[in-house]
């Protein structure tokens, strides 16, 4: 169902303290939409119910629920501590599920929309980020299932997903790291405002999925027709560009304990000349994989 985002629309963005969620709040505000910001730990029992209550008490209901809360971590399965992996999965998966469950009665009253921020890793995989990949595959399955449940009946609710590629946000500075090396986002990087615009558009006109980021987004259809070359490309990209440089000590990042002072929209990664050069190399490499694949056919 197509809807208007304006001053009468009530938006709740979960995960609005930094990065994509914060950028989405700015974009919704430009449309004149009403939004509420309440400090919430999505892993705390009852916290999301209280967030819904706060929105309803102040604005009378909820039209759009954006699930954007997410944490990130690097580390092979035998190096990442179990408690860090559980926190990543709990935050990204159960934080999304519990929020939708809490908001659903209010969304039904207004025939609202749920926008879940996934990732290209909702359909792809890469070494060293298995906990994050697991979580993003899970929320994609969750969205697909509840979409079938909620689109019918007298009070339908739309369920849409945005799948960003690598986005220039502080999530990489905030990430847990148990690789022993410095970590970097895999270029090319998307500006968070592009993802924010996609969230606003899909809230107004829901669709099953919108991918943001052309180069990395190409890996999704490539994986569908040629999974083995796509997997090799992603593994090389992570090992060459994602984990490189000087040795680094293990860290939990902000997976369990937030650092509000470091929160912002932009991560500052796109301004590096190295990132630009690597982005070009990744693009050329992707073309090379496709060409070689076709030459063997």
C-alpha atoms as a PDB file:
ATOM      1  CA  UNK A   1       0.000   0.000   0.000  1.00  0.00           C
ATOM      2  CA  UNK A   2       1.327   3.399  -0.932  1.00  0.00           C
ATOM      3  CA  UNK A   3       1.334   5.940   1.919  1.00  0.00           C
ATOM      4  CA  UNK A   4       2.317   9.557   2.490  1.00  0.00           C
ATOM      5  CA  UNK A   5       5.122  10.405   4.904  1.00  0.00           C
ATOM      6  CA  UNK A   6       4.255  13.764   6.423  1.00  0.00           C
ATOM      7  CA  UNK A   7       3.614  15.585   9.698  1.00  0.00           C
ATOM      8  CA  UNK A   8       0.819  13.165  10.607  1.00  0.00           C
ATOM      9  CA  UNK A   9       3.064  10.104  10.319  1.00  0.00           C
ATOM     10  CA  UNK A  10       4.568   8.575  13.446  1.00  0.00           C
ATOM     11  CA  UNK A  11       7.921   6.872  12.914  1.00  0.00           C
ATOM     12  CA  UNK A  12       9.892   4.814  15.399  1.00  0.00           C
ATOM     13  CA  UNK A  13      13.488   4.114  14.344  1.00  0.00           C
ATOM     14  CA  UNK A  14      15.215   1.516  16.495  1.00  0.00           C
ATOM     15  CA  UNK A  15      18.967   1.994  16.314  1.00  0.00           C
ATOM     16  CA  UNK A  16      18.891   5.740  15.699  1.00  0.00           C
ATOM     17  CA  UNK A  17      21.890   6.670  17.841  1.00  0.00           C
ATOM     18  CA  UNK A  18      24.391   6.227  15.019  1.00  0.00           C
ATOM     19  CA  UNK A  19      24.943   5.356  11.380  1.00  0.00           C
ATOM     20  CA  UNK A  20      22.049   4.331   9.135  1.00  0.00           C
ATOM     21  CA  UNK A  21      19.354   4.720  11.781  1.00  0.00           C
ATOM     22  CA  UNK A  22      20.491   8.219  12.665  1.00  0.00           C
ATOM     23  CA  UNK A  23      20.597   9.212   8.993  1.00  0.00           C
ATOM     24  CA  UNK A  24      17.073   7.811   8.521  1.00  0.00           C
ATOM     25  CA  UNK A  25      15.739   9.976  11.348  1.00  0.00           C
ATOM     26  CA  UNK A  26      17.123  13.071   9.617  1.00  0.00           C
ATOM     27  CA  UNK A  27      15.496  12.071   6.332  1.00  0.00           C
ATOM     28  CA  UNK A  28      12.117  11.364   7.914  1.00  0.00           C
ATOM     29  CA  UNK A  29      12.304  14.711   9.711  1.00  0.00           C
ATOM     30  CA  UNK A  30      12.781  16.465   6.370  1.00  0.00           C
ATOM     31  CA  UNK A  31       9.435  14.979   5.311  1.00  0.00           C
ATOM     32  CA  UNK A  32       7.830  16.510   8.400  1.00  0.00           C
ATOM     33  CA  UNK A  33       7.236  13.136  10.015  1.00  0.00           C
ATOM     34  CA  UNK A  34       6.957  12.854  13.753  1.00  0.00           C
ATOM     35  CA  UNK A  35       9.617  10.707  15.400  1.00  0.00           C
ATOM     36  CA  UNK A  36      10.472   9.743  18.945  1.00  0.00           C
ATOM     37  CA  UNK A  37      13.941   9.105  20.353  1.00  0.00           C
ATOM     38  CA  UNK A  38      14.129   7.052  23.547  1.00  0.00           C
ATOM     39  CA  UNK A  39      17.271   5.438  24.899  1.00  0.00           C
ATOM     40  CA  UNK A  40      16.627   1.705  24.521  1.00  0.00           C
ATOM     41  CA  UNK A  41      18.700  -1.463  24.926  1.00  0.00           C
ATOM     42  CA  UNK A  42      17.067  -3.913  22.534  1.00  0.00           C
ATOM     43  CA  UNK A  43      18.522  -6.869  24.469  1.00  0.00           C
ATOM     44  CA  UNK A  44      16.892  -5.784  27.751  1.00  0.00           C
ATOM     45  CA  UNK A  45      13.625  -7.608  28.466  1.00  0.00           C
ATOM     46  CA  UNK A  46      10.660  -5.267  28.170  1.00  0.00           C
ATOM     47  CA  UNK A  47      12.667  -2.347  26.767  1.00  0.00           C
ATOM     48  CA  UNK A  48      11.010  -2.437  23.351  1.00  0.00           C
ATOM     49  CA  UNK A  49       7.560  -2.702  24.905  1.00  0.00           C
ATOM     50  CA  UNK A  50       8.338   0.455  26.850  1.00  0.00           C
ATOM     51  CA  UNK A  51       9.494   2.147  23.647  1.00  0.00           C
ATOM     52  CA  UNK A  52       6.161   1.344  22.004  1.00  0.00           C
ATOM     53  CA  UNK A  53       4.302   2.649  25.043  1.00  0.00           C
ATOM     54  CA  UNK A  54       6.274   5.898  24.934  1.00  0.00           C
ATOM     55  CA  UNK A  55       5.444   6.399  21.250  1.00  0.00           C
ATOM     56  CA  UNK A  56       1.759   5.700  21.765  1.00  0.00           C
ATOM     57  CA  UNK A  57       1.513   7.884  24.872  1.00  0.00           C
ATOM     58  CA  UNK A  58       3.084  10.833  23.082  1.00  0.00           C
ATOM     59  CA  UNK A  59       1.757  10.481  19.533  1.00  0.00           C
ATOM     60  CA  UNK A  60      -1.239   8.166  19.739  1.00  0.00           C
ATOM     61  CA  UNK A  61       0.047   5.307  17.610  1.00  0.00           C
ATOM     62  CA  UNK A  62       2.730   4.065  15.203  1.00  0.00           C
ATOM     63  CA  UNK A  63       2.685   4.148  11.401  1.00  0.00           C
ATOM     64  CA  UNK A  64       6.224   3.019  10.544  1.00  0.00           C
ATOM     65  CA  UNK A  65       8.586   0.830  12.535  1.00  0.00           C
ATOM     66  CA  UNK A  66      12.202   0.821  11.325  1.00  0.00           C
ATOM     67  CA  UNK A  67      14.392  -1.959  12.737  1.00  0.00           C
ATOM     68  CA  UNK A  68      17.939  -0.670  12.252  1.00  0.00           C
ATOM     69  CA  UNK A  69      19.715  -1.666  15.481  1.00  0.00           C
ATOM     70  CA  UNK A  70      22.782  -3.732  14.659  1.00  0.00           C
ATOM     71  CA  UNK A  71      26.237  -4.578  15.987  1.00  0.00           C
ATOM     72  CA  UNK A  72      29.188  -6.068  14.143  1.00  0.00           C
ATOM     73  CA  UNK A  73      32.172  -8.246  14.878  1.00  0.00           C
ATOM     74  CA  UNK A  74      35.140  -9.935  13.235  1.00  0.00           C
ATOM     75  CA  UNK A  75      36.708 -13.236  14.194  1.00  0.00           C
ATOM     76  CA  UNK A  76      36.897 -16.836  13.043  1.00  0.00           C
ATOM     77  CA  UNK A  77      34.570 -19.299  14.733  1.00  0.00           C
ATOM     78  CA  UNK A  78      37.387 -20.645  16.917  1.00  0.00           C
ATOM     79  CA  UNK A  79      38.605 -17.161  17.924  1.00  0.00           C
ATOM     80  CA  UNK A  80      35.530 -15.071  18.587  1.00  0.00           C
ATOM     81  CA  UNK A  81      34.340 -15.517  22.195  1.00  0.00           C
ATOM     82  CA  UNK A  82      30.988 -17.235  22.449  1.00  0.00           C
ATOM     83  CA  UNK A  83      29.476 -14.436  24.527  1.00  0.00           C
ATOM     84  CA  UNK A  84      30.382 -11.826  21.876  1.00  0.00           C
ATOM     85  CA  UNK A  85      28.864 -13.946  19.100  1.00  0.00           C
ATOM     86  CA  UNK A  86      25.704 -14.449  21.142  1.00  0.00           C
ATOM     87  CA  UNK A  87      25.394 -10.723  21.770  1.00  0.00           C
ATOM     88  CA  UNK A  88      25.756  -9.940  18.041  1.00  0.00           C
ATOM     89  CA  UNK A  89      23.082 -12.481  17.140  1.00  0.00           C
ATOM     90  CA  UNK A  90      20.829 -11.516  20.045  1.00  0.00           C
ATOM     91  CA  UNK A  91      21.001  -7.799  19.231  1.00  0.00           C
ATOM     92  CA  UNK A  92      20.540  -8.169  15.493  1.00  0.00           C
ATOM     93  CA  UNK A  93      17.987 -10.987  15.463  1.00  0.00           C
ATOM     94  CA  UNK A  94      16.017 -10.933  18.699  1.00  0.00           C
ATOM     95  CA  UNK A  95      16.219  -7.144  18.858  1.00  0.00           C
ATOM     96  CA  UNK A  96      14.481  -7.067  15.475  1.00  0.00           C
ATOM     97  CA  UNK A  97      11.934  -9.768  16.293  1.00  0.00           C
ATOM     98  CA  UNK A  98      11.047  -8.438  19.729  1.00  0.00           C
ATOM     99  CA  UNK A  99      10.581  -4.922  18.350  1.00  0.00           C
ATOM    100  CA  UNK A 100       8.205  -6.047  15.623  1.00  0.00           C
ATOM    101  CA  UNK A 101       6.218  -8.149  18.104  1.00  0.00           C
ATOM    102  CA  UNK A 102       5.923  -5.195  20.482  1.00  0.00           C
ATOM    103  CA  UNK A 103       4.869  -2.741  17.771  1.00  0.00           C
ATOM    104  CA  UNK A 104       2.530  -5.047  15.849  1.00  0.00           C
ATOM    105  CA  UNK A 105      -0.752  -4.241  17.647  1.00  0.00           C
ATOM    106  CA  UNK A 106      -0.269  -0.525  16.983  1.00  0.00           C
ATOM    107  CA  UNK A 107       0.879  -1.080  13.402  1.00  0.00           C
ATOM    108  CA  UNK A 108      -2.230  -3.135  12.703  1.00  0.00           C
ATOM    109  CA  UNK A 109      -4.482  -0.314  13.884  1.00  0.00           C
ATOM    110  CA  UNK A 110      -2.994   2.003  11.223  1.00  0.00           C
ATOM    111  CA  UNK A 111      -2.169  -0.579   8.550  1.00  0.00           C
ATOM    112  CA  UNK A 112       1.432   0.372   9.054  1.00  0.00           C
ATOM    113  CA  UNK A 113       4.733  -0.837   7.677  1.00  0.00           C
ATOM    114  CA  UNK A 114       7.778  -2.566   9.104  1.00  0.00           C
ATOM    115  CA  UNK A 115      11.117  -1.712   7.501  1.00  0.00           C
ATOM    116  CA  UNK A 116      13.910  -4.100   8.450  1.00  0.00           C
ATOM    117  CA  UNK A 117      17.472  -3.067   7.689  1.00  0.00           C
ATOM    118  CA  UNK A 118      19.306  -6.166   6.579  1.00  0.00           C
ATOM    119  CA  UNK A 119      22.499  -6.292   4.520  1.00  0.00           C
ATOM    120  CA  UNK A 120      23.843  -7.769   1.322  1.00  0.00           C
ATOM    121  CA  UNK A 121      25.042 -10.358   3.860  1.00  0.00           C
ATOM    122  CA  UNK A 122      21.371 -11.299   4.215  1.00  0.00           C
ATOM    123  CA  UNK A 123      21.939 -13.251   1.006  1.00  0.00           C
ATOM    124  CA  UNK A 124      25.724 -13.627   0.872  1.00  0.00           C
ATOM    125  CA  UNK A 125      28.499 -14.810   3.185  1.00  0.00           C
ATOM    126  CA  UNK A 126      32.097 -13.999   4.007  1.00  0.00           C
ATOM    127  CA  UNK A 127      34.760 -15.406   6.321  1.00  0.00           C
ATOM    128  CA  UNK A 128      35.549 -13.802   9.685  1.00  0.00           C
ATOM    129  CA  UNK A 129      32.102 -12.197  10.093  1.00  0.00           C
ATOM    130  CA  UNK A 130      30.052 -15.358  10.557  1.00  0.00           C
ATOM    131  CA  UNK A 131      28.052 -14.104  13.567  1.00  0.00           C
ATOM    132  CA  UNK A 132      26.915 -11.005  11.672  1.00  0.00           C
ATOM    133  CA  UNK A 133      26.179 -13.016   8.517  1.00  0.00           C
ATOM    134  CA  UNK A 134      24.157 -15.505  10.563  1.00  0.00           C
ATOM    135  CA  UNK A 135      22.127 -12.681  12.068  1.00  0.00           C
ATOM    136  CA  UNK A 136      21.406 -11.024   8.733  1.00  0.00           C
ATOM    137  CA  UNK A 137      20.355 -14.295   7.104  1.00  0.00           C
ATOM    138  CA  UNK A 138      18.046 -14.838  10.066  1.00  0.00           C
ATOM    139  CA  UNK A 139      16.312 -11.457   9.822  1.00  0.00           C
ATOM    140  CA  UNK A 140      15.811 -11.992   6.080  1.00  0.00           C
ATOM    141  CA  UNK A 141      14.060 -15.274   6.818  1.00  0.00           C
ATOM    142  CA  UNK A 142      12.033 -13.624   9.564  1.00  0.00           C
ATOM    143  CA  UNK A 143      10.937 -10.821   7.230  1.00  0.00           C
ATOM    144  CA  UNK A 144       9.984 -13.249   4.456  1.00  0.00           C
ATOM    145  CA  UNK A 145       7.893 -15.350   6.807  1.00  0.00           C
ATOM    146  CA  UNK A 146       5.987 -12.596   8.601  1.00  0.00           C
ATOM    147  CA  UNK A 147       5.405 -10.808   5.287  1.00  0.00           C
ATOM    148  CA  UNK A 148       3.226 -13.753   4.280  1.00  0.00           C
ATOM    149  CA  UNK A 149       1.405 -13.676   7.611  1.00  0.00           C
ATOM    150  CA  UNK A 150       0.756  -9.951   7.877  1.00  0.00           C
ATOM    151  CA  UNK A 151      -0.148  -8.898   4.358  1.00  0.00           C
ATOM    152  CA  UNK A 152      -3.599 -10.489   4.522  1.00  0.00           C
ATOM    153  CA  UNK A 153      -6.581  -9.918   6.766  1.00  0.00           C
ATOM    154  CA  UNK A 154      -8.600  -6.862   7.771  1.00  0.00           C
ATOM    155  CA  UNK A 155      -5.577  -5.067   9.287  1.00  0.00           C
ATOM    156  CA  UNK A 156      -2.657  -5.785   6.919  1.00  0.00           C
ATOM    157  CA  UNK A 157       0.871  -4.671   7.743  1.00  0.00           C
ATOM    158  CA  UNK A 158       3.531  -4.347   5.042  1.00  0.00           C
ATOM    159  CA  UNK A 159       6.988  -5.794   5.654  1.00  0.00           C
ATOM    160  CA  UNK A 160       9.884  -4.414   3.621  1.00  0.00           C
ATOM    161  CA  UNK A 161      13.654  -4.850   3.716  1.00  0.00           C
ATOM    162  CA  UNK A 162      16.615  -2.670   2.797  1.00  0.00           C
ATOM    163  CA  UNK A 163      19.851  -4.504   2.015  1.00  0.00           C
ATOM    164  CA  UNK A 164      22.790  -2.076   2.138  1.00  0.00           C
ATOM    165  CA  UNK A 165      26.249  -2.908   0.874  1.00  0.00           C
ATOM    166  CA  UNK A 166      29.223  -1.600   2.881  1.00  0.00           C
ATOM    167  CA  UNK A 167      28.109   1.708   4.386  1.00  0.00           C
ATOM    168  CA  UNK A 168      30.413   4.417   5.696  1.00  0.00           C
ATOM    169  CA  UNK A 169      29.269   4.423   9.336  1.00  0.00           C
ATOM    170  CA  UNK A 170      31.051   4.033  12.687  1.00  0.00           C
ATOM    171  CA  UNK A 171      29.971   0.383  12.924  1.00  0.00           C
ATOM    172  CA  UNK A 172      33.487  -0.660  11.855  1.00  0.00           C
ATOM    173  CA  UNK A 173      35.154   1.453  14.542  1.00  0.00           C
ATOM    174  CA  UNK A 174      32.622   0.015  17.005  1.00  0.00           C
ATOM    175  CA  UNK A 175      33.081  -3.600  15.857  1.00  0.00           C
ATOM    176  CA  UNK A 176      34.507  -6.385  17.963  1.00  0.00           C
ATOM    177  CA  UNK A 177      37.745  -7.659  16.468  1.00  0.00           C
ATOM    178  CA  UNK A 178      39.350 -11.019  17.176  1.00  0.00           C
ATOM    179  CA  UNK A 179      41.357 -11.415  13.963  1.00  0.00           C
ATOM    180  CA  UNK A 180      44.696 -10.160  15.266  1.00  0.00           C
ATOM    181  CA  UNK A 181      44.791  -7.573  12.473  1.00  0.00           C
ATOM    182  CA  UNK A 182      43.377  -4.129  11.822  1.00  0.00           C
ATOM    183  CA  UNK A 183      39.999  -4.258  10.101  1.00  0.00           C
ATOM    184  CA  UNK A 184      38.564  -2.053   7.367  1.00  0.00           C
ATOM    185  CA  UNK A 185      35.218  -1.849   5.558  1.00  0.00           C
ATOM    186  CA  UNK A 186      35.349  -3.477   2.136  1.00  0.00           C
ATOM    187  CA  UNK A 187      35.049  -0.803  -0.559  1.00  0.00           C
ATOM    188  CA  UNK A 188      33.333   0.711  -2.390  1.00  0.00           C
ATOM    189  CA  UNK A 189      31.469   2.378   0.464  1.00  0.00           C
ATOM    190  CA  UNK A 190      27.939   3.768   0.318  1.00  0.00           C
ATOM    191  CA  UNK A 191      27.105   7.055   2.041  1.00  0.00           C
ATOM    192  CA  UNK A 192      24.609   6.410   4.875  1.00  0.00           C
ATOM    193  CA  UNK A 193      22.270   9.037   3.453  1.00  0.00           C
ATOM    194  CA  UNK A 194      21.693   6.835   0.394  1.00  0.00           C
ATOM    195  CA  UNK A 195      20.456   4.075   2.663  1.00  0.00           C
ATOM    196  CA  UNK A 196      18.361   6.560   4.638  1.00  0.00           C
ATOM    197  CA  UNK A 197      16.672   7.733   1.431  1.00  0.00           C
ATOM    198  CA  UNK A 198      15.937   4.122   0.517  1.00  0.00           C
ATOM    199  CA  UNK A 199      14.348   3.544   3.926  1.00  0.00           C
ATOM    200  CA  UNK A 200      12.067   6.561   3.502  1.00  0.00           C
ATOM    201  CA  UNK A 201      11.084   5.493  -0.033  1.00  0.00           C
ATOM    202  CA  UNK A 202      10.347   1.930   0.966  1.00  0.00           C
ATOM    203  CA  UNK A 203       8.318   3.108   3.970  1.00  0.00           C
ATOM    204  CA  UNK A 204       6.176   5.185   1.620  1.00  0.00           C
ATOM    205  CA  UNK A 205       5.947   2.501  -1.040  1.00  0.00           C
ATOM    206  CA  UNK A 206       6.789  -0.900   0.485  1.00  0.00           C
ATOM    207  CA  UNK A 207       8.503  -3.559  -1.549  1.00  0.00           C
ATOM    208  CA  UNK A 208      10.032  -6.870  -0.628  1.00  0.00           C
ATOM    209  CA  UNK A 209      13.658  -5.754  -0.898  1.00  0.00           C
ATOM    210  CA  UNK A 210      15.744  -2.818  -1.996  1.00  0.00           C
ATOM    211  CA  UNK A 211      19.517  -3.236  -2.390  1.00  0.00           C
ATOM    212  CA  UNK A 212      21.630  -0.110  -1.871  1.00  0.00           C
ATOM    213  CA  UNK A 213      25.100  -0.207  -3.426  1.00  0.00           C
ATOM    214  CA  UNK A 214      25.631  -1.148  -7.064  1.00  0.00           C
ATOM    215  CA  UNK A 215      29.022  -2.910  -7.035  1.00  0.00           C
ATOM    216  CA  UNK A 216      28.547  -5.127  -4.005  1.00  0.00           C
ATOM    217  CA  UNK A 217      24.866  -5.452  -4.808  1.00  0.00           C
ATOM    218  CA  UNK A 218      25.868  -7.185  -8.041  1.00  0.00           C
ATOM    219  CA  UNK A 219      27.204 -10.066  -5.931  1.00  0.00           C
ATOM    220  CA  UNK A 220      23.639 -10.983  -4.917  1.00  0.00           C
ATOM    221  CA  UNK A 221      22.406 -12.004  -8.408  1.00  0.00           C
ATOM    222  CA  UNK A 222      25.900 -13.333  -9.212  1.00  0.00           C
ATOM    223  CA  UNK A 223      25.673 -15.653  -6.225  1.00  0.00           C
ATOM    224  CA  UNK A 224      22.262 -16.859  -7.399  1.00  0.00           C
ATOM    225  CA  UNK A 225      23.640 -18.060 -10.759  1.00  0.00           C
ATOM    226  CA  UNK A 226      27.284 -18.772  -9.872  1.00  0.00           C
ATOM    227  CA  UNK A 227      27.613 -19.331  -6.120  1.00  0.00           C
ATOM    228  CA  UNK A 228      31.140 -20.752  -6.111  1.00  0.00           C
ATOM    229  CA  UNK A 229      32.816 -17.826  -7.941  1.00  0.00           C
ATOM    230  CA  UNK A 230      30.804 -15.354  -5.860  1.00  0.00           C
ATOM    231  CA  UNK A 231      31.934 -17.020  -2.637  1.00  0.00           C
ATOM    232  CA  UNK A 232      35.570 -16.939  -3.777  1.00  0.00           C
ATOM    233  CA  UNK A 233      35.295 -13.266  -4.663  1.00  0.00           C
ATOM    234  CA  UNK A 234      33.810 -12.397  -1.274  1.00  0.00           C
ATOM    235  CA  UNK A 235      36.422 -14.413   0.590  1.00  0.00           C
ATOM    236  CA  UNK A 236      39.266 -12.730  -1.306  1.00  0.00           C
ATOM    237  CA  UNK A 237      37.765  -9.293  -0.749  1.00  0.00           C
ATOM    238  CA  UNK A 238      37.586  -9.882   3.001  1.00  0.00           C
ATOM    239  CA  UNK A 239      41.069 -11.314   3.347  1.00  0.00           C
ATOM    240  CA  UNK A 240      42.766  -8.778   1.088  1.00  0.00           C
ATOM    241  CA  UNK A 241      40.849  -5.599   1.859  1.00  0.00           C
ATOM    242  CA  UNK A 242      38.842  -6.214   5.017  1.00  0.00           C
ATOM    243  CA  UNK A 243      41.517  -7.605   7.317  1.00  0.00           C
ATOM    244  CA  UNK A 244      44.954  -6.194   6.628  1.00  0.00           C
ATOM    245  CA  UNK A 245      47.720  -3.956   7.894  1.00  0.00           C
ATOM    246  CA  UNK A 246      49.208  -3.793  11.354  1.00  0.00           C
ATOM    247  CA  UNK A 247      48.618  -6.271  14.110  1.00  0.00           C
ATOM    248  CA  UNK A 248      45.832  -5.402  16.516  1.00  0.00           C
ATOM    249  CA  UNK A 249      44.909  -6.609  19.961  1.00  0.00           C
ATOM    250  CA  UNK A 250      41.586  -8.359  20.476  1.00  0.00           C
ATOM    251  CA  UNK A 251      38.720  -6.116  21.539  1.00  0.00           C
ATOM    252  CA  UNK A 252      35.015  -6.337  22.292  1.00  0.00           C
ATOM    253  CA  UNK A 253      34.275  -2.977  20.665  1.00  0.00           C
ATOM    254  CA  UNK A 254      30.866  -1.612  21.587  1.00  0.00           C
ATOM    255  CA  UNK A 255      29.062  -4.911  21.048  1.00  0.00           C
ATOM    256  CA  UNK A 256      28.095  -5.159  24.715  1.00  0.00           C
ATOM    257  CA  UNK A 257      28.817  -1.681  26.092  1.00  0.00           C
ATOM    258  CA  UNK A 258      27.896   1.366  23.946  1.00  0.00           C
ATOM    259  CA  UNK A 259      30.060   4.450  23.572  1.00  0.00           C
ATOM    260  CA  UNK A 260      27.670   7.361  22.923  1.00  0.00           C
ATOM    261  CA  UNK A 261      30.539   9.830  22.510  1.00  0.00           C
ATOM    262  CA  UNK A 262      31.646   8.076  19.305  1.00  0.00           C
ATOM    263  CA  UNK A 263      28.200   7.894  17.708  1.00  0.00           C
ATOM    264  CA  UNK A 264      27.632   9.782  14.467  1.00  0.00           C
ATOM    265  CA  UNK A 265      26.235   9.193  10.988  1.00  0.00           C
ATOM    266  CA  UNK A 266      29.442   9.097   8.947  1.00  0.00           C
ATOM    267  CA  UNK A 267      32.356   6.806   9.732  1.00  0.00           C
ATOM    268  CA  UNK A 268      34.862   8.903   7.782  1.00  0.00           C
ATOM    269  CA  UNK A 269      36.134   5.959   5.721  1.00  0.00           C
ATOM    270  CA  UNK A 270      35.252   7.263   2.248  1.00  0.00           C
ATOM    271  CA  UNK A 271      37.702  10.172   2.476  1.00  0.00           C
ATOM    272  CA  UNK A 272      40.729   7.887   2.340  1.00  0.00           C
ATOM    273  CA  UNK A 273      42.594   7.716  -0.986  1.00  0.00           C
ATOM    274  CA  UNK A 274      43.442   4.110  -0.232  1.00  0.00           C
ATOM    275  CA  UNK A 275      39.749   3.273  -0.035  1.00  0.00           C
ATOM    276  CA  UNK A 276      39.145   4.834  -3.452  1.00  0.00           C
ATOM    277  CA  UNK A 277      41.952   2.814  -5.047  1.00  0.00           C
ATOM    278  CA  UNK A 278      40.826  -0.402  -3.404  1.00  0.00           C
ATOM    279  CA  UNK A 279      37.260   0.250  -4.551  1.00  0.00           C
ATOM    280  CA  UNK A 280      38.499   0.414  -8.124  1.00  0.00           C
ATOM    281  CA  UNK A 281      40.427  -2.839  -7.667  1.00  0.00           C
ATOM    282  CA  UNK A 282      37.366  -4.588  -6.239  1.00  0.00           C
ATOM    283  CA  UNK A 283      35.246  -3.436  -9.170  1.00  0.00           C
ATOM    284  CA  UNK A 284      37.800  -4.667 -11.695  1.00  0.00           C
ATOM    285  CA  UNK A 285      38.092  -7.958  -9.832  1.00  0.00           C
ATOM    286  CA  UNK A 286      34.330  -8.502  -9.916  1.00  0.00           C
ATOM    287  CA  UNK A 287      34.273  -7.974 -13.673  1.00  0.00           C
ATOM    288  CA  UNK A 288      37.187 -10.392 -14.043  1.00  0.00           C
ATOM    289  CA  UNK A 289      35.357 -13.145 -12.167  1.00  0.00           C
ATOM    290  CA  UNK A 290      32.293 -12.776 -14.388  1.00  0.00           C
ATOM    291  CA  UNK A 291      34.395 -12.779 -17.560  1.00  0.00           C
ATOM    292  CA  UNK A 292      36.333 -15.881 -16.518  1.00  0.00           C
ATOM    293  CA  UNK A 293      33.129 -17.651 -15.568  1.00  0.00           C
ATOM    294  CA  UNK A 294      31.584 -16.960 -18.946  1.00  0.00           C
ATOM    295  CA  UNK A 295      34.731 -18.011 -20.797  1.00  0.00           C
ATOM    296  CA  UNK A 296      34.511 -21.458 -19.206  1.00  0.00           C
ATOM    297  CA  UNK A 297      30.859 -21.931 -20.104  1.00  0.00           C
END
